[in-house]
PDB file of N, CA and C in Angstrom:
ATOM      1  N   UNK A   1       0.812  -1.172  -0.008  1.00  0.00           N
ATOM      2  CA  UNK A   1       0.044   0.412  -0.121  1.00  0.00           C
ATOM      3  C   UNK A   1       0.696   0.883  -0.003  1.00  0.00           C
ATOM      4  N   UNK A   2       2.129   1.140   1.065  1.00  0.00           N
ATOM      5  CA  UNK A   2       2.857   2.261   0.966  1.00  0.00           C
ATOM      6  C   UNK A   2       3.728   2.331  -0.743  1.00  0.00           C
ATOM      7  N   UNK A   3       3.312   1.741  -1.075  1.00  0.00           N
ATOM      8  CA  UNK A   3       4.134   1.362  -2.424  1.00  0.00           C
ATOM      9  C   UNK A   3       3.351   2.603  -3.890  1.00  0.00           C
ATOM     10  N   UNK A   4       1.896   2.540  -3.375  1.00  0.00           N
ATOM     11  CA  UNK A   4       1.164   3.023  -4.154  1.00  0.00           C
ATOM     12  C   UNK A   4       1.267   4.930  -4.025  1.00  0.00           C
ATOM     13  N   UNK A   5       1.163   4.791  -2.600  1.00  0.00           N
ATOM     14  CA  UNK A   5       1.336   6.155  -2.043  1.00  0.00           C
ATOM     15  C   UNK A   5       2.913   6.973  -2.495  1.00  0.00           C
ATOM     16  N   UNK A   6       3.714   6.316  -1.971  1.00  0.00           N
ATOM     17  CA  UNK A   6       5.091   6.767  -2.913  1.00  0.00           C
ATOM     18  C   UNK A   6       5.125   7.174  -4.521  1.00  0.00           C
ATOM     19  N   UNK A   7       4.416   6.489  -5.561  1.00  0.00           N
ATOM     20  CA  UNK A   7       3.996   6.720  -6.688  1.00  0.00           C
ATOM     21  C   UNK A   7       3.526   7.758  -7.128  1.00  0.00           C
ATOM     22  N   UNK A   8       2.062   7.888  -5.996  1.00  0.00           N
ATOM     23  CA  UNK A   8       0.839   9.080  -5.907  1.00  0.00           C
ATOM     24  C   UNK A   8       1.913  10.790  -5.580  1.00  0.00           C
ATOM     25  N   UNK A   9       2.982  10.362  -4.691  1.00  0.00           N
ATOM     26  CA  UNK A   9       3.697  11.349  -4.308  1.00  0.00           C
ATOM     27  C   UNK A   9       4.654  11.374  -5.243  1.00  0.00           C
ATOM     28  N   UNK A  10       5.261  10.907  -6.065  1.00  0.00           N
ATOM     29  CA  UNK A  10       6.326  10.996  -7.168  1.00  0.00           C
ATOM     30  C   UNK A  10       5.619  11.535  -8.529  1.00  0.00           C
ATOM     31  N   UNK A  11       4.019  11.188  -8.656  1.00  0.00           N
ATOM     32  CA  UNK A  11       3.614  11.716  -9.780  1.00  0.00           C
ATOM     33  C   UNK A  11       3.104  13.346  -9.070  1.00  0.00           C
ATOM     34  N   UNK A  12       2.999  13.803  -8.229  1.00  0.00           N
ATOM     35  CA  UNK A  12       2.737  15.039  -7.454  1.00  0.00           C
ATOM     36  C   UNK A  12       3.609  15.547  -8.184  1.00  0.00           C
ATOM     37  N   UNK A  13       4.950  14.956  -7.461  1.00  0.00           N
ATOM     38  CA  UNK A  13       5.948  15.852  -8.073  1.00  0.00           C
ATOM     39  C   UNK A  13       6.341  15.818  -9.141  1.00  0.00           C
ATOM     40  N   UNK A  14       6.468  15.240  -9.639  1.00  0.00           N
ATOM     41  CA  UNK A  14       6.895  15.488 -11.389  1.00  0.00           C
ATOM     42  C   UNK A  14       5.753  16.081 -11.854  1.00  0.00           C
ATOM     43  N   UNK A  15       4.557  16.374 -11.208  1.00  0.00           N
ATOM     44  CA  UNK A  15       3.729  17.448 -11.762  1.00  0.00           C
ATOM     45  C   UNK A  15       4.388  18.621 -11.877  1.00  0.00           C
ATOM     46  N   UNK A  16       4.475  18.762 -10.300  1.00  0.00           N
ATOM     47  CA  UNK A  16       4.388  19.870 -10.474  1.00  0.00           C
ATOM     48  C   UNK A  16       6.024  20.446 -11.034  1.00  0.00           C
ATOM     49  N   UNK A  17       7.083  19.993 -11.283  1.00  0.00           N
ATOM     50  CA  UNK A  17       8.364  20.369 -11.498  1.00  0.00           C
ATOM     51  C   UNK A  17       8.242  20.604 -13.193  1.00  0.00           C
ATOM     52  N   UNK A  18       7.120  20.036 -13.909  1.00  0.00           N
ATOM     53  CA  UNK A  18       6.436  20.567 -15.120  1.00  0.00           C
ATOM     54  C   UNK A  18       6.216  21.436 -15.098  1.00  0.00           C
ATOM     55  N   UNK A  19       5.294  22.465 -13.956  1.00  0.00           N
ATOM     56  CA  UNK A  19       4.944  23.477 -14.252  1.00  0.00           C
ATOM     57  C   UNK A  19       5.620  24.611 -13.681  1.00  0.00           C
ATOM     58  N   UNK A  20       6.450  24.214 -12.941  1.00  0.00           N
ATOM     59  CA  UNK A  20       8.052  24.889 -12.703  1.00  0.00           C
ATOM     60  C   UNK A  20       8.602  25.235 -13.268  1.00  0.00           C
ATOM     61  N   UNK A  21       9.402  24.679 -14.072  1.00  0.00           N
ATOM     62  CA  UNK A  21      10.143  25.169 -14.852  1.00  0.00           C
ATOM     63  C   UNK A  21       9.598  25.214 -15.863  1.00  0.00           C
ATOM     64  N   UNK A  22      10.912  26.018 -16.649  1.00  0.00           N
ATOM     65  CA  UNK A  22      10.303  26.607 -18.315  1.00  0.00           C
ATOM     66  C   UNK A  22      10.624  25.493 -19.336  1.00  0.00           C
ATOM     67  N   UNK A  23      10.133  25.698 -20.456  1.00  0.00           N
ATOM     68  CA  UNK A  23      10.197  24.750 -20.906  1.00  0.00           C
ATOM     69  C   UNK A  23       9.224  23.655 -21.398  1.00  0.00           C
ATOM     70  N   UNK A  24       8.407  23.727 -20.629  1.00  0.00           N
ATOM     71  CA  UNK A  24       7.230  22.590 -20.363  1.00  0.00           C
ATOM     72  C   UNK A  24       6.437  22.414 -22.203  1.00  0.00           C
ATOM     73  N   UNK A  25       6.733  23.071 -23.401  1.00  0.00           N
ATOM     74  CA  UNK A  25       6.150  23.122 -24.499  1.00  0.00           C
ATOM     75  C   UNK A  25       7.328  21.702 -25.149  1.00  0.00           C
ATOM     76  N   UNK A  26       8.122  21.482 -24.891  1.00  0.00           N
ATOM     77  CA  UNK A  26       8.818  21.321 -25.754  1.00  0.00           C
ATOM     78  C   UNK A  26       8.887  18.921 -24.980  1.00  0.00           C
ATOM     79  N   UNK A  27       8.117  19.081 -24.376  1.00  0.00           N
ATOM     80  CA  UNK A  27       7.988  17.247 -24.015  1.00  0.00           C
ATOM     81  C   UNK A  27       6.687  17.198 -23.550  1.00  0.00           C
ATOM     82  N   UNK A  28       5.928  15.751 -23.786  1.00  0.00           N
ATOM     83  CA  UNK A  28       4.866  15.672 -23.059  1.00  0.00           C
ATOM     84  C   UNK A  28       4.271  15.634 -21.913  1.00  0.00           C
ATOM     85  N   UNK A  29       3.087  16.149 -21.902  1.00  0.00           N
ATOM     86  CA  UNK A  29       2.370  16.720 -20.515  1.00  0.00           C
ATOM     87  C   UNK A  29       2.637  15.030 -19.124  1.00  0.00           C
ATOM     88  N   UNK A  30       2.957  14.368 -19.678  1.00  0.00           N
ATOM     89  CA  UNK A  30       2.751  13.113 -18.924  1.00  0.00           C
ATOM     90  C   UNK A  30       4.280  12.473 -18.639  1.00  0.00           C
ATOM     91  N   UNK A  31       5.297  13.239 -19.279  1.00  0.00           N
ATOM     92  CA  UNK A  31       6.764  12.775 -18.832  1.00  0.00           C
ATOM     93  C   UNK A  31       7.303  13.321 -18.173  1.00  0.00           C
ATOM     94  N   UNK A  32       7.225  14.403 -17.252  1.00  0.00           N
ATOM     95  CA  UNK A  32       7.746  14.930 -15.994  1.00  0.00           C
ATOM     96  C   UNK A  32       7.065  13.932 -14.830  1.00  0.00           C
ATOM     97  N   UNK A  33       5.670  13.697 -14.702  1.00  0.00           N
ATOM     98  CA  UNK A  33       5.206  12.928 -13.527  1.00  0.00           C
ATOM     99  C   UNK A  33       5.701  10.996 -13.609  1.00  0.00           C
ATOM    100  N   UNK A  34       5.687  10.976 -14.770  1.00  0.00           N
ATOM    101  CA  UNK A  34       5.940   9.866 -15.077  1.00  0.00           C
ATOM    102  C   UNK A  34       7.667   9.123 -14.790  1.00  0.00           C
ATOM    103  N   UNK A  35       8.480  10.183 -14.987  1.00  0.00           N
ATOM    104  CA  UNK A  35      10.135  10.433 -14.469  1.00  0.00           C
ATOM    105  C   UNK A  35       9.244  10.374 -13.035  1.00  0.00           C
ATOM    106  N   UNK A  36       9.085  10.938 -12.467  1.00  0.00           N
ATOM    107  CA  UNK A  36       8.805  11.002 -11.008  1.00  0.00           C
ATOM    108  C   UNK A  36       8.712   9.945 -10.001  1.00  0.00           C
ATOM    109  N   UNK A  37       7.254   9.488 -10.849  1.00  0.00           N
ATOM    110  CA  UNK A  37       6.912   8.099 -10.723  1.00  0.00           C
ATOM    111  C   UNK A  37       7.712   6.877 -10.330  1.00  0.00           C
ATOM    112  N   UNK A  38       8.308   6.602 -11.648  1.00  0.00           N
ATOM    113  CA  UNK A  38       9.267   5.425 -11.983  1.00  0.00           C
ATOM    114  C   UNK A  38      10.539   5.673 -10.663  1.00  0.00           C
ATOM    115  N   UNK A  39      10.740   7.142 -10.998  1.00  0.00           N
ATOM    116  CA  UNK A  39      12.245   7.347  -9.921  1.00  0.00           C
ATOM    117  C   UNK A  39      11.813   6.663  -8.235  1.00  0.00           C
ATOM    118  N   UNK A  40      10.786   7.091  -8.174  1.00  0.00           N
ATOM    119  CA  UNK A  40      10.304   7.300  -6.426  1.00  0.00           C
ATOM    120  C   UNK A  40      10.031   5.707  -6.005  1.00  0.00           C
ATOM    121  N   UNK A  41       9.391   4.877  -7.335  1.00  0.00           N
ATOM    122  CA  UNK A  41       8.794   3.445  -7.063  1.00  0.00           C
ATOM    123  C   UNK A  41      10.112   2.615  -7.019  1.00  0.00           C
ATOM    124  N   UNK A  42      11.294   3.370  -8.447  1.00  0.00           N
ATOM    125  CA  UNK A  42      12.405   2.274  -7.811  1.00  0.00           C
ATOM    126  C   UNK A  42      12.995   2.491  -6.669  1.00  0.00           C
ATOM    127  N   UNK A  43      13.340   3.399  -6.185  1.00  0.00           N
ATOM    128  CA  UNK A  43      14.282   3.380  -4.865  1.00  0.00           C
ATOM    129  C   UNK A  43      13.404   3.330  -3.688  1.00  0.00           C
ATOM    130  N   UNK A  44      12.572   3.384  -3.699  1.00  0.00           N
ATOM    131  CA  UNK A  44      11.635   2.972  -2.618  1.00  0.00           C
ATOM    132  C   UNK A  44      11.535   1.009  -2.581  1.00  0.00           C
ATOM    133  N   UNK A  45      11.753   0.554  -3.791  1.00  0.00           N
ATOM    134  CA  UNK A  45      11.663  -0.833  -3.409  1.00  0.00           C
ATOM    135  C   UNK A  45      12.844  -1.487  -3.233  1.00  0.00           C
ATOM    136  N   UNK A  46      14.061  -0.556  -3.692  1.00  0.00           N
ATOM    137  CA  UNK A  46      15.660  -0.749  -3.678  1.00  0.00           C
ATOM    138  C   UNK A  46      15.527  -0.405  -2.493  1.00  0.00           C
ATOM    139  N   UNK A  47      15.297   0.587  -1.612  1.00  0.00           N
ATOM    140  CA  UNK A  47      15.557   0.926   0.053  1.00  0.00           C
ATOM    141  C   UNK A  47      14.766  -0.289   0.859  1.00  0.00           C
ATOM    142  N   UNK A  48      13.676  -0.510   0.302  1.00  0.00           N
ATOM    143  CA  UNK A  48      12.749  -1.672   1.783  1.00  0.00           C
ATOM    144  C   UNK A  48      13.886  -2.849   1.261  1.00  0.00           C
ATOM    145  N   UNK A  49      14.542  -3.360  -0.157  1.00  0.00           N
ATOM    146  CA  UNK A  49      14.687  -4.708   0.111  1.00  0.00           C
ATOM    147  C   UNK A  49      15.986  -4.331   0.631  1.00  0.00           C
ATOM    148  N   UNK A  50      16.304  -3.206   0.736  1.00  0.00           N
ATOM    149  CA  UNK A  50      18.137  -2.737   1.432  1.00  0.00           C
ATOM    150  C   UNK A  50      17.384  -3.151   2.765  1.00  0.00           C
ATOM    151  N   UNK A  51      16.730  -3.270   3.399  1.00  0.00           N
ATOM    152  CA  UNK A  51      16.389  -3.560   5.073  1.00  0.00           C
ATOM    153  C   UNK A  51      15.785  -1.628   5.346  1.00  0.00           C
ATOM    154  N   UNK A  52      15.362  -0.980   4.768  1.00  0.00           N
ATOM    155  CA  UNK A  52      14.593   0.224   5.606  1.00  0.00           C
ATOM    156  C   UNK A  52      13.246  -0.131   5.980  1.00  0.00           C
ATOM    157  N   UNK A  53      13.160   0.310   7.291  1.00  0.00           N
ATOM    158  CA  UNK A  53      11.773  -0.230   7.266  1.00  0.00           C
ATOM    159  C   UNK A  53      10.530   1.434   6.362  1.00  0.00           C
ATOM    160  N   UNK A  54       9.550   0.536   5.563  1.00  0.00           N
ATOM    161  CA  UNK A  54       8.751   1.118   5.467  1.00  0.00           C
ATOM    162  C   UNK A  54       7.467   2.014   5.871  1.00  0.00           C
ATOM    163  N   UNK A  55       8.137   2.349   7.159  1.00  0.00           N
ATOM    164  CA  UNK A  55       7.123   3.612   7.891  1.00  0.00           C
ATOM    165  C   UNK A  55       8.153   4.083   8.406  1.00  0.00           C
ATOM    166  N   UNK A  56       9.232   4.348   8.385  1.00  0.00           N
ATOM    167  CA  UNK A  56      10.099   5.248   8.354  1.00  0.00           C
ATOM    168  C   UNK A  56      10.096   6.590   7.641  1.00  0.00           C
ATOM    169  N   UNK A  57      10.931   7.579   8.250  1.00  0.00           N
ATOM    170  CA  UNK A  57      10.764   9.117   7.509  1.00  0.00           C
ATOM    171  C   UNK A  57      11.765   9.375   6.533  1.00  0.00           C
ATOM    172  N   UNK A  58      12.637   8.367   6.851  1.00  0.00           N
ATOM    173  CA  UNK A  58      14.188   8.354   6.125  1.00  0.00           C
ATOM    174  C   UNK A  58      13.068   8.077   4.584  1.00  0.00           C
ATOM    175  N   UNK A  59      13.091   7.012   4.445  1.00  0.00           N
ATOM    176  CA  UNK A  59      12.511   6.097   2.772  1.00  0.00           C
ATOM    177  C   UNK A  59      11.312   7.004   2.631  1.00  0.00           C
ATOM    178  N   UNK A  60      10.867   7.601   3.196  1.00  0.00           N
ATOM    179  CA  UNK A  60       9.818   8.949   2.146  1.00  0.00           C
ATOM    180  C   UNK A  60      10.861   9.766   1.973  1.00  0.00           C
ATOM    181  N   UNK A  61      11.226  10.482   2.466  1.00  0.00           N
ATOM    182  CA  UNK A  61      12.500  11.640   2.319  1.00  0.00           C
ATOM    183  C   UNK A  61      13.160  11.523   0.806  1.00  0.00           C
ATOM    184  N   UNK A  62      14.011  10.249   0.943  1.00  0.00           N
ATOM    185  CA  UNK A  62      14.774   9.851  -0.067  1.00  0.00           C
ATOM    186  C   UNK A  62      14.347   9.575  -1.007  1.00  0.00           C
ATOM    187  N   UNK A  63      13.109   8.826  -1.461  1.00  0.00           N
ATOM    188  CA  UNK A  63      12.393   8.519  -2.284  1.00  0.00           C
ATOM    189  C   UNK A  63      11.612   9.722  -3.240  1.00  0.00           C
ATOM    190  N   UNK A  64      10.930  10.647  -2.357  1.00  0.00           N
ATOM    191  CA  UNK A  64      10.709  11.594  -2.567  1.00  0.00           C
ATOM    192  C   UNK A  64      11.391  12.847  -3.305  1.00  0.00           C
ATOM    193  N   UNK A  65      12.538  12.588  -2.342  1.00  0.00           N
ATOM    194  CA  UNK A  65      13.916  13.373  -3.030  1.00  0.00           C
ATOM    195  C   UNK A  65      13.973  13.299  -4.324  1.00  0.00           C
ATOM    196  N   UNK A  66      14.674  11.786  -4.496  1.00  0.00           N
ATOM    197  CA  UNK A  66      15.098  11.438  -5.926  1.00  0.00           C
ATOM    198  C   UNK A  66      13.789  11.315  -7.066  1.00  0.00           C
ATOM    199  N   UNK A  67      11.988  11.714  -6.737  1.00  0.00           N
ATOM    200  CA  UNK A  67      11.522  11.813  -7.868  1.00  0.00           C
ATOM    201  C   UNK A  67      11.314  13.433  -8.517  1.00  0.00           C
ATOM    202  N   UNK A  68      11.878  14.174  -7.046  1.00  0.00           N
ATOM    203  CA  UNK A  68      12.246  15.664  -7.547  1.00  0.00           C
ATOM    204  C   UNK A  68      13.626  16.092  -8.475  1.00  0.00           C
ATOM    205  N   UNK A  69      14.574  15.388  -7.836  1.00  0.00           N
ATOM    206  CA  UNK A  69      15.942  15.275  -8.459  1.00  0.00           C
ATOM    207  C   UNK A  69      15.577  14.806 -10.185  1.00  0.00           C
ATOM    208  N   UNK A  70      14.783  13.888 -10.229  1.00  0.00           N
ATOM    209  CA  UNK A  70      14.905  13.214 -11.583  1.00  0.00           C
ATOM    210  C   UNK A  70      14.111  13.687 -12.246  1.00  0.00           C
ATOM    211  N   UNK A  71      13.031  14.683 -12.139  1.00  0.00           N
ATOM    212  CA  UNK A  71      11.936  14.978 -12.797  1.00  0.00           C
ATOM    213  C   UNK A  71      12.829  16.479 -12.958  1.00  0.00           C
ATOM    214  N   UNK A  72      13.429  17.378 -11.984  1.00  0.00           N
ATOM    215  CA  UNK A  72      14.144  18.614 -12.458  1.00  0.00           C
ATOM    216  C   UNK A  72      15.189  18.227 -13.528  1.00  0.00           C
ATOM    217  N   UNK A  73      15.631  17.093 -12.929  1.00  0.00           N
ATOM    218  CA  UNK A  73      17.031  17.218 -14.411  1.00  0.00           C
ATOM    219  C   UNK A  73      16.472  16.821 -15.222  1.00  0.00           C
ATOM    220  N   UNK A  74      15.469  15.702 -15.915  1.00  0.00           N
ATOM    221  CA  UNK A  74      14.992  15.679 -17.202  1.00  0.00           C
ATOM    222  C   UNK A  74      14.277  17.419 -17.376  1.00  0.00           C
ATOM    223  N   UNK A  75      13.543  17.729 -16.733  1.00  0.00           N
ATOM    224  CA  UNK A  75      12.978  18.646 -17.077  1.00  0.00           C
ATOM    225  C   UNK A  75      13.927  19.962 -17.373  1.00  0.00           C
ATOM    226  N   UNK A  76      15.333  20.287 -16.901  1.00  0.00           N
ATOM    227  CA  UNK A  76      16.132  21.188 -17.100  1.00  0.00           C
ATOM    228  C   UNK A  76      17.079  20.656 -18.443  1.00  0.00           C
ATOM    229  N   UNK A  77      17.064  19.474 -18.422  1.00  0.00           N
ATOM    230  CA  UNK A  77      17.932  18.781 -19.686  1.00  0.00           C
ATOM    231  C   UNK A  77      16.834  18.734 -21.127  1.00  0.00           C
ATOM    232  N   UNK A  78      16.025  18.126 -21.284  1.00  0.00           N
ATOM    233  CA  UNK A  78      15.316  17.749 -22.630  1.00  0.00           C
ATOM    234  C   UNK A  78      14.757  19.295 -23.137  1.00  0.00           C
ATOM    235  N   UNK A  79      13.826  19.951 -22.722  1.00  0.00           N
ATOM    236  CA  UNK A  79      14.368  21.350 -23.079  1.00  0.00           C
ATOM    237  C   UNK A  79      15.466  21.389 -24.388  1.00  0.00           C
ATOM    238  N   UNK A  80      16.548  21.889 -24.107  1.00  0.00           N
ATOM    239  CA  UNK A  80      17.432  22.178 -24.274  1.00  0.00           C
ATOM    240  C   UNK A  80      18.049  21.028 -25.524  1.00  0.00           C
ATOM    241  N   UNK A  81      17.858  19.931 -25.206  1.00  0.00           N
ATOM    242  CA  UNK A  81      17.979  19.020 -26.004  1.00  0.00           C
ATOM    243  C   UNK A  81      17.219  18.918 -27.198  1.00  0.00           C
ATOM    244  N   UNK A  82      16.139  19.307 -27.191  1.00  0.00           N
ATOM    245  CA  UNK A  82      15.106  19.361 -27.881  1.00  0.00           C
ATOM    246  C   UNK A  82      15.056  20.733 -28.992  1.00  0.00           C
ATOM    247  N   UNK A  83      15.678  21.458 -28.478  1.00  0.00           N
ATOM    248  CA  UNK A  83      15.853  23.286 -29.393  1.00  0.00           C
ATOM    249  C   UNK A  83      17.117  22.536 -29.993  1.00  0.00           C
ATOM    250  N   UNK A  84      18.483  21.841 -29.895  1.00  0.00           N
ATOM    251  CA  UNK A  84      19.494  21.233 -30.530  1.00  0.00           C
ATOM    252  C   UNK A  84      18.877  21.103 -31.832  1.00  0.00           C
ATOM    253  N   UNK A  85      18.168  20.085 -31.061  1.00  0.00           N
ATOM    254  CA  UNK A  85      17.422  18.545 -32.178  1.00  0.00           C
ATOM    255  C   UNK A  85      16.795  19.302 -33.123  1.00  0.00           C
ATOM    256  N   UNK A  86      16.223  19.951 -32.699  1.00  0.00           N
ATOM    257  CA  UNK A  86      15.424  20.821 -33.710  1.00  0.00           C
ATOM    258  C   UNK A  86      15.875  22.191 -34.668  1.00  0.00           C
ATOM    259  N   UNK A  87      16.834  22.257 -34.248  1.00  0.00           N
ATOM    260  CA  UNK A  87      18.262  22.980 -34.967  1.00  0.00           C
ATOM    261  C   UNK A  87      19.222  22.170 -35.998  1.00  0.00           C
ATOM    262  N   UNK A  88      19.482  21.220 -36.026  1.00  0.00           N
ATOM    263  CA  UNK A  88      19.867  20.409 -36.566  1.00  0.00           C
ATOM    264  C   UNK A  88      18.978  19.775 -37.553  1.00  0.00           C
ATOM    265  N   UNK A  89      17.603  19.227 -37.636  1.00  0.00           N
ATOM    266  CA  UNK A  89      17.173  19.178 -38.331  1.00  0.00           C
ATOM    267  C   UNK A  89      16.224  20.040 -39.302  1.00  0.00           C
ATOM    268  N   UNK A  90      16.177  21.487 -38.938  1.00  0.00           N
ATOM    269  CA  UNK A  90      16.065  22.460 -39.912  1.00  0.00           C
ATOM    270  C   UNK A  90      16.750  22.802 -40.436  1.00  0.00           C
ATOM    271  N   UNK A  91      18.271  22.309 -40.541  1.00  0.00           N
ATOM    272  CA  UNK A  91      19.580  22.760 -41.110  1.00  0.00           C
ATOM    273  C   UNK A  91      19.366  21.822 -41.919  1.00  0.00           C
ATOM    274  N   UNK A  92      19.322  20.510 -41.576  1.00  0.00           N
ATOM    275  CA  UNK A  92      19.712  19.315 -42.946  1.00  0.00           C
ATOM    276  C   UNK A  92      18.873  19.440 -43.584  1.00  0.00           C
ATOM    277  N   UNK A  93      16.985  19.989 -43.089  1.00  0.00           N
ATOM    278  CA  UNK A  93      15.898  20.046 -44.237  1.00  0.00           C
ATOM    279  C   UNK A  93      16.382  21.549 -45.347  1.00  0.00           C
ATOM    280  N   UNK A  94      16.873  22.033 -44.820  1.00  0.00           N
ATOM    281  CA  UNK A  94      17.326  23.259 -45.741  1.00  0.00           C
ATOM    282  C   UNK A  94      18.090  23.245 -46.511  1.00  0.00           C
ATOM    283  N   UNK A  95      19.316  22.533 -46.431  1.00  0.00           N
ATOM    284  CA  UNK A  95      19.869  21.956 -47.320  1.00  0.00           C
ATOM    285  C   UNK A  95      19.403  21.616 -48.945  1.00  0.00           C
ATOM    286  N   UNK A  96      20.319  22.152 -49.823  1.00  0.00           N
ATOM    287  CA  UNK A  96      19.428  21.510 -51.494  1.00  0.00           C
ATOM    288  C   UNK A  96      19.872  20.178 -51.650  1.00  0.00           C
TER     289      UNK A  96
END
């Protein structure tokens, strides 16, 4: 049950990063929430297997921090990468 809650927390954090960071028009609406969800769930599962207690505060903090960090990293990296890829494609298409 806690995995469901951490997934929801990762989705909410990813959704917030979508609207707090610039460049949201260069990626899909659900990409950053999905990245946050997956990061939080994978880290939660790994920490649980490592012996962390699922009702402890640190597992929540670390998992949701990982969701925020991965969503923010993707949100900052993807728009720049998209602009560069679009510029390369435009220059290639404009060649005779």
